N, C-alpha and C. Protein backbone atom coordinates (compact mmCIF):
# COMPACT_ATOMS: atom_id res chain seq x y z
N MET A 1 0.85 -1.17 0.00
CA MET A 1 0.00 0.00 0.00
C MET A 1 0.90 1.25 0.00
N ASN A 2 0.55 2.23 -0.80
CA ASN A 2 1.36 3.44 -0.96
C ASN A 2 1.02 4.54 0.04
N ILE A 3 -0.06 4.37 0.78
CA ILE A 3 -0.51 5.41 1.71
C ILE A 3 -0.09 5.03 3.12
N LYS A 4 0.47 6.01 3.85
CA LYS A 4 0.91 5.77 5.22
C LYS A 4 0.22 6.76 6.16
N LYS A 5 0.30 6.48 7.45
CA LYS A 5 -0.28 7.35 8.47
C LYS A 5 0.38 8.73 8.40
N ASN A 6 -0.41 9.78 8.60
CA ASN A 6 -0.01 11.19 8.57
C ASN A 6 0.24 11.73 7.17
N ASP A 7 0.00 10.95 6.11
CA ASP A 7 0.06 11.48 4.74
C ASP A 7 -1.12 12.40 4.50
N LYS A 8 -0.95 13.38 3.63
CA LYS A 8 -2.06 14.22 3.22
C LYS A 8 -2.61 13.59 1.95
N VAL A 9 -3.93 13.34 1.91
CA VAL A 9 -4.53 12.67 0.76
C VAL A 9 -5.72 13.46 0.23
N LYS A 10 -6.04 13.23 -1.05
CA LYS A 10 -7.20 13.83 -1.69
C LYS A 10 -8.16 12.71 -2.04
N ILE A 11 -9.46 12.92 -1.78
CA ILE A 11 -10.47 11.90 -2.08
C ILE A 11 -10.89 12.05 -3.54
N LEU A 12 -10.84 10.93 -4.28
CA LEU A 12 -11.14 10.92 -5.71
C LEU A 12 -12.58 10.51 -6.02
N ALA A 13 -13.25 9.82 -5.09
CA ALA A 13 -14.61 9.34 -5.34
C ALA A 13 -15.40 9.30 -4.04
N GLY A 14 -16.71 9.44 -4.14
CA GLY A 14 -17.58 9.38 -2.98
C GLY A 14 -18.18 10.72 -2.63
N LYS A 15 -18.83 10.78 -1.48
CA LYS A 15 -19.55 11.99 -1.10
C LYS A 15 -18.63 13.16 -0.78
N ASP A 16 -17.38 12.90 -0.43
CA ASP A 16 -16.41 13.96 -0.11
C ASP A 16 -15.39 14.16 -1.23
N LYS A 17 -15.76 13.86 -2.45
CA LYS A 17 -14.86 13.96 -3.60
C LYS A 17 -14.25 15.36 -3.70
N GLY A 18 -12.92 15.42 -3.89
CA GLY A 18 -12.22 16.69 -4.05
C GLY A 18 -11.65 17.27 -2.77
N LYS A 19 -12.06 16.74 -1.62
CA LYS A 19 -11.58 17.26 -0.34
C LYS A 19 -10.26 16.59 0.05
N THR A 20 -9.47 17.29 0.86
CA THR A 20 -8.21 16.73 1.33
C THR A 20 -8.21 16.62 2.84
N GLY A 21 -7.41 15.70 3.35
CA GLY A 21 -7.31 15.50 4.79
C GLY A 21 -6.10 14.65 5.14
N LYS A 22 -5.85 14.51 6.42
CA LYS A 22 -4.72 13.76 6.94
C LYS A 22 -5.15 12.34 7.29
N VAL A 23 -4.33 11.36 6.98
CA VAL A 23 -4.63 9.96 7.27
C VAL A 23 -4.45 9.70 8.76
N LEU A 24 -5.50 9.15 9.39
CA LEU A 24 -5.46 8.83 10.81
C LEU A 24 -5.03 7.39 11.06
N GLN A 25 -5.56 6.48 10.23
CA GLN A 25 -5.37 5.05 10.47
C GLN A 25 -5.35 4.31 9.14
N VAL A 26 -4.53 3.27 9.03
CA VAL A 26 -4.41 2.49 7.81
C VAL A 26 -4.58 1.01 8.15
N MET A 27 -5.39 0.32 7.34
CA MET A 27 -5.54 -1.13 7.46
C MET A 27 -5.06 -1.75 6.15
N PRO A 28 -3.77 -2.09 6.04
CA PRO A 28 -3.23 -2.55 4.76
C PRO A 28 -3.82 -3.86 4.25
N LYS A 29 -4.16 -4.79 5.14
CA LYS A 29 -4.71 -6.08 4.69
C LYS A 29 -6.10 -5.90 4.08
N ALA A 30 -6.88 -4.96 4.60
CA ALA A 30 -8.22 -4.70 4.09
C ALA A 30 -8.21 -3.61 3.02
N ASN A 31 -7.06 -2.98 2.78
CA ASN A 31 -6.89 -1.90 1.80
C ASN A 31 -7.81 -0.72 2.10
N ARG A 32 -7.90 -0.36 3.40
CA ARG A 32 -8.78 0.71 3.83
C ARG A 32 -8.02 1.75 4.65
N VAL A 33 -8.51 3.01 4.56
CA VAL A 33 -7.85 4.14 5.21
C VAL A 33 -8.91 5.01 5.88
N SER A 34 -8.58 5.57 7.04
CA SER A 34 -9.45 6.52 7.73
C SER A 34 -8.82 7.91 7.61
N VAL A 35 -9.62 8.90 7.14
CA VAL A 35 -9.12 10.26 6.92
C VAL A 35 -9.79 11.21 7.90
N GLU A 36 -8.99 12.09 8.50
CA GLU A 36 -9.47 13.01 9.52
C GLU A 36 -10.52 13.98 8.97
N GLY A 37 -11.71 13.99 9.58
CA GLY A 37 -12.77 14.93 9.24
C GLY A 37 -13.51 14.64 7.95
N LEU A 38 -13.22 13.53 7.29
CA LEU A 38 -13.89 13.19 6.03
C LEU A 38 -14.54 11.81 6.13
N ASN A 39 -15.55 11.57 5.27
CA ASN A 39 -16.31 10.33 5.25
C ASN A 39 -16.89 10.05 6.64
N LEU A 40 -17.52 11.08 7.23
CA LEU A 40 -18.05 10.98 8.58
C LEU A 40 -19.36 10.20 8.61
N LEU A 41 -19.51 9.34 9.60
CA LEU A 41 -20.75 8.63 9.85
C LEU A 41 -21.28 9.07 11.20
N ILE A 42 -22.59 8.95 11.40
CA ILE A 42 -23.22 9.33 12.66
C ILE A 42 -23.75 8.08 13.33
N LYS A 43 -23.39 7.92 14.60
CA LYS A 43 -23.88 6.80 15.38
C LYS A 43 -24.78 7.37 16.48
N HIS A 44 -25.98 6.82 16.61
CA HIS A 44 -26.93 7.27 17.63
C HIS A 44 -26.80 6.37 18.86
N LEU A 45 -26.62 7.00 20.01
CA LEU A 45 -26.52 6.25 21.27
C LEU A 45 -27.75 6.51 22.12
N ARG A 46 -28.29 5.46 22.67
CA ARG A 46 -29.46 5.58 23.55
C ARG A 46 -29.03 6.08 24.92
N PRO A 47 -29.95 6.72 25.63
CA PRO A 47 -29.61 7.13 27.00
C PRO A 47 -29.45 5.90 27.89
N ARG A 48 -28.50 5.94 28.81
CA ARG A 48 -28.25 4.79 29.68
C ARG A 48 -29.05 4.85 30.97
N ARG A 49 -29.31 6.08 31.45
CA ARG A 49 -30.06 6.24 32.70
C ARG A 49 -31.30 7.08 32.44
N GLU A 50 -32.23 7.05 33.37
CA GLU A 50 -33.41 7.89 33.25
C GLU A 50 -33.02 9.35 33.38
N GLY A 51 -33.62 10.19 32.57
CA GLY A 51 -33.34 11.62 32.62
C GLY A 51 -32.13 12.03 31.79
N GLU A 52 -31.37 11.08 31.32
CA GLU A 52 -30.20 11.36 30.49
C GLU A 52 -30.64 11.44 29.03
N LYS A 53 -29.97 12.27 28.24
CA LYS A 53 -30.33 12.40 26.83
C LYS A 53 -29.50 11.44 25.98
N GLY A 54 -30.07 11.09 24.84
CA GLY A 54 -29.31 10.30 23.88
C GLY A 54 -28.28 11.18 23.18
N GLN A 55 -27.38 10.57 22.44
CA GLN A 55 -26.31 11.32 21.77
C GLN A 55 -26.17 10.90 20.32
N ARG A 56 -25.63 11.83 19.55
CA ARG A 56 -25.23 11.53 18.17
C ARG A 56 -23.72 11.72 18.09
N ILE A 57 -23.00 10.67 17.76
CA ILE A 57 -21.53 10.73 17.69
C ILE A 57 -21.12 10.64 16.24
N GLU A 58 -20.31 11.61 15.79
CA GLU A 58 -19.75 11.57 14.43
C GLU A 58 -18.35 10.99 14.50
N PHE A 59 -18.03 10.09 13.57
CA PHE A 59 -16.69 9.52 13.53
C PHE A 59 -16.30 9.25 12.08
N PRO A 60 -15.00 9.34 11.75
CA PRO A 60 -14.56 9.08 10.38
C PRO A 60 -14.57 7.58 10.08
N ALA A 61 -15.27 7.19 9.03
CA ALA A 61 -15.34 5.79 8.63
C ALA A 61 -14.18 5.48 7.68
N PHE A 62 -13.91 4.20 7.48
CA PHE A 62 -12.84 3.80 6.57
C PHE A 62 -13.30 3.94 5.13
N ILE A 63 -12.35 4.29 4.24
CA ILE A 63 -12.61 4.44 2.82
C ILE A 63 -11.58 3.60 2.08
N ASN A 64 -11.95 3.06 0.94
CA ASN A 64 -11.04 2.22 0.17
C ASN A 64 -9.86 3.05 -0.32
N ALA A 65 -8.66 2.51 -0.22
CA ALA A 65 -7.44 3.23 -0.59
C ALA A 65 -7.39 3.56 -2.08
N SER A 66 -8.12 2.82 -2.91
CA SER A 66 -8.12 3.10 -4.35
C SER A 66 -8.86 4.39 -4.67
N ASN A 67 -9.64 4.90 -3.73
CA ASN A 67 -10.37 6.15 -3.93
C ASN A 67 -9.61 7.36 -3.39
N LEU A 68 -8.32 7.19 -3.08
CA LEU A 68 -7.50 8.26 -2.54
C LEU A 68 -6.25 8.46 -3.38
N ALA A 69 -5.74 9.70 -3.38
CA ALA A 69 -4.46 10.01 -4.02
C ALA A 69 -3.63 10.79 -3.02
N VAL A 70 -2.35 10.45 -2.92
CA VAL A 70 -1.45 11.15 -2.00
C VAL A 70 -1.14 12.53 -2.56
N VAL A 71 -1.16 13.54 -1.69
CA VAL A 71 -0.80 14.90 -2.09
C VAL A 71 0.69 15.07 -1.79
N CYS A 72 1.47 15.40 -2.81
CA CYS A 72 2.92 15.55 -2.68
C CYS A 72 3.23 16.80 -1.84
N PRO A 73 4.07 16.67 -0.80
CA PRO A 73 4.39 17.83 0.03
C PRO A 73 5.25 18.88 -0.71
N GLN A 74 5.99 18.47 -1.74
CA GLN A 74 6.84 19.41 -2.46
C GLN A 74 6.06 20.21 -3.51
N CYS A 75 5.32 19.53 -4.38
CA CYS A 75 4.62 20.24 -5.47
C CYS A 75 3.17 20.56 -5.12
N GLY A 76 2.61 19.91 -4.09
CA GLY A 76 1.26 20.21 -3.63
C GLY A 76 0.15 19.66 -4.50
N ARG A 77 0.46 18.73 -5.40
CA ARG A 77 -0.56 18.15 -6.28
C ARG A 77 -0.84 16.70 -5.90
N ALA A 78 -2.06 16.26 -6.17
CA ALA A 78 -2.41 14.85 -5.96
C ALA A 78 -1.68 14.03 -7.01
N THR A 79 -1.02 12.98 -6.58
CA THR A 79 -0.16 12.24 -7.49
C THR A 79 -0.19 10.75 -7.20
N ARG A 80 0.31 10.00 -8.15
CA ARG A 80 0.54 8.58 -7.94
C ARG A 80 1.93 8.44 -7.31
N ILE A 81 2.21 7.26 -6.78
CA ILE A 81 3.46 7.02 -6.08
C ILE A 81 4.28 5.97 -6.82
N ALA A 82 5.58 6.25 -6.97
CA ALA A 82 6.52 5.27 -7.51
C ALA A 82 7.45 4.85 -6.38
N HIS A 83 8.09 3.73 -6.53
CA HIS A 83 9.06 3.26 -5.54
C HIS A 83 10.43 3.21 -6.20
N LYS A 84 11.44 3.66 -5.47
CA LYS A 84 12.80 3.71 -6.00
C LYS A 84 13.75 3.25 -4.91
N ILE A 85 14.78 2.52 -5.29
CA ILE A 85 15.80 2.10 -4.34
C ILE A 85 16.97 3.07 -4.46
N THR A 86 17.25 3.79 -3.37
CA THR A 86 18.30 4.81 -3.39
C THR A 86 19.23 4.63 -2.20
N LYS A 87 20.41 5.24 -2.32
CA LYS A 87 21.34 5.28 -1.20
C LYS A 87 21.25 6.65 -0.58
N ILE A 88 20.92 6.67 0.70
CA ILE A 88 20.84 7.92 1.44
C ILE A 88 22.11 8.03 2.27
N GLU A 89 22.63 9.25 2.40
CA GLU A 89 23.90 9.51 3.06
C GLU A 89 24.11 8.68 4.31
N GLY A 90 25.16 7.90 4.32
CA GLY A 90 25.54 7.12 5.50
C GLY A 90 24.72 5.87 5.75
N LYS A 91 23.71 5.61 4.95
CA LYS A 91 22.87 4.43 5.16
C LYS A 91 23.02 3.48 3.97
N SER A 92 22.58 2.25 4.17
CA SER A 92 22.58 1.30 3.06
C SER A 92 21.43 1.63 2.12
N SER A 93 21.33 0.92 1.02
CA SER A 93 20.27 1.20 0.05
C SER A 93 18.90 1.01 0.71
N GLN A 94 17.97 1.88 0.33
CA GLN A 94 16.65 1.90 0.98
C GLN A 94 15.58 2.15 -0.07
N LYS A 95 14.43 1.51 0.10
CA LYS A 95 13.30 1.71 -0.79
C LYS A 95 12.53 2.94 -0.34
N VAL A 96 12.34 3.92 -1.23
CA VAL A 96 11.65 5.16 -0.88
C VAL A 96 10.48 5.39 -1.82
N ARG A 97 9.53 6.22 -1.37
CA ARG A 97 8.39 6.61 -2.20
C ARG A 97 8.76 7.88 -2.97
N VAL A 98 8.37 7.93 -4.25
CA VAL A 98 8.71 9.06 -5.12
C VAL A 98 7.45 9.57 -5.79
N CYS A 99 7.30 10.91 -5.87
CA CYS A 99 6.19 11.54 -6.56
C CYS A 99 6.35 11.35 -8.06
N LYS A 100 5.29 10.92 -8.75
CA LYS A 100 5.35 10.70 -10.20
C LYS A 100 5.38 12.00 -10.98
N LYS A 101 4.96 13.12 -10.38
CA LYS A 101 4.89 14.38 -11.11
C LYS A 101 6.16 15.21 -11.00
N CYS A 102 6.72 15.33 -9.76
CA CYS A 102 7.91 16.17 -9.60
C CYS A 102 9.17 15.37 -9.32
N GLN A 103 9.06 14.04 -9.20
CA GLN A 103 10.19 13.13 -8.99
C GLN A 103 10.92 13.37 -7.66
N GLU A 104 10.26 13.99 -6.68
CA GLU A 104 10.86 14.22 -5.37
C GLU A 104 10.51 13.08 -4.42
N ILE A 105 11.38 12.84 -3.45
CA ILE A 105 11.16 11.78 -2.47
C ILE A 105 10.11 12.24 -1.46
N ILE A 106 9.15 11.35 -1.17
CA ILE A 106 8.10 11.62 -0.18
C ILE A 106 8.49 10.89 1.09
N GLU A 107 8.66 11.62 2.18
CA GLU A 107 9.06 11.04 3.47
C GLU A 107 7.86 10.54 4.22
C-alpha cells in the first residue's frame, strides 16, 4: 500500500470527492484508510439512565485506498506514487516513495 499514516490525501470518489485531509489510520490487509474529518458517519446512542439524553456521535469511517491520491508535500498536487531504491547519506540502500509528477522523495 502506498498510503501511510499522517500522509495528506485527496479523495477521488464518494460523497467527499475533491476534499483533502490527513490519514489517521491504515488497514493494509483490508486496503482501507481513515481520513481526519472526512467520510463521517453518525452513530446514535441511547440514554443509559433515566433523565439522560441520547447522543449523536460523528466519527470518520474507513474508505477504500483506491479512492484516494497522495498529495505531494513538495509540489502540492495529488499524485501517484513510484518506488525507488536509493542510497541515502551514510545508510545502506533503501526503498523510498517518489512523486510521479515532480520526482521528489516523499518522506
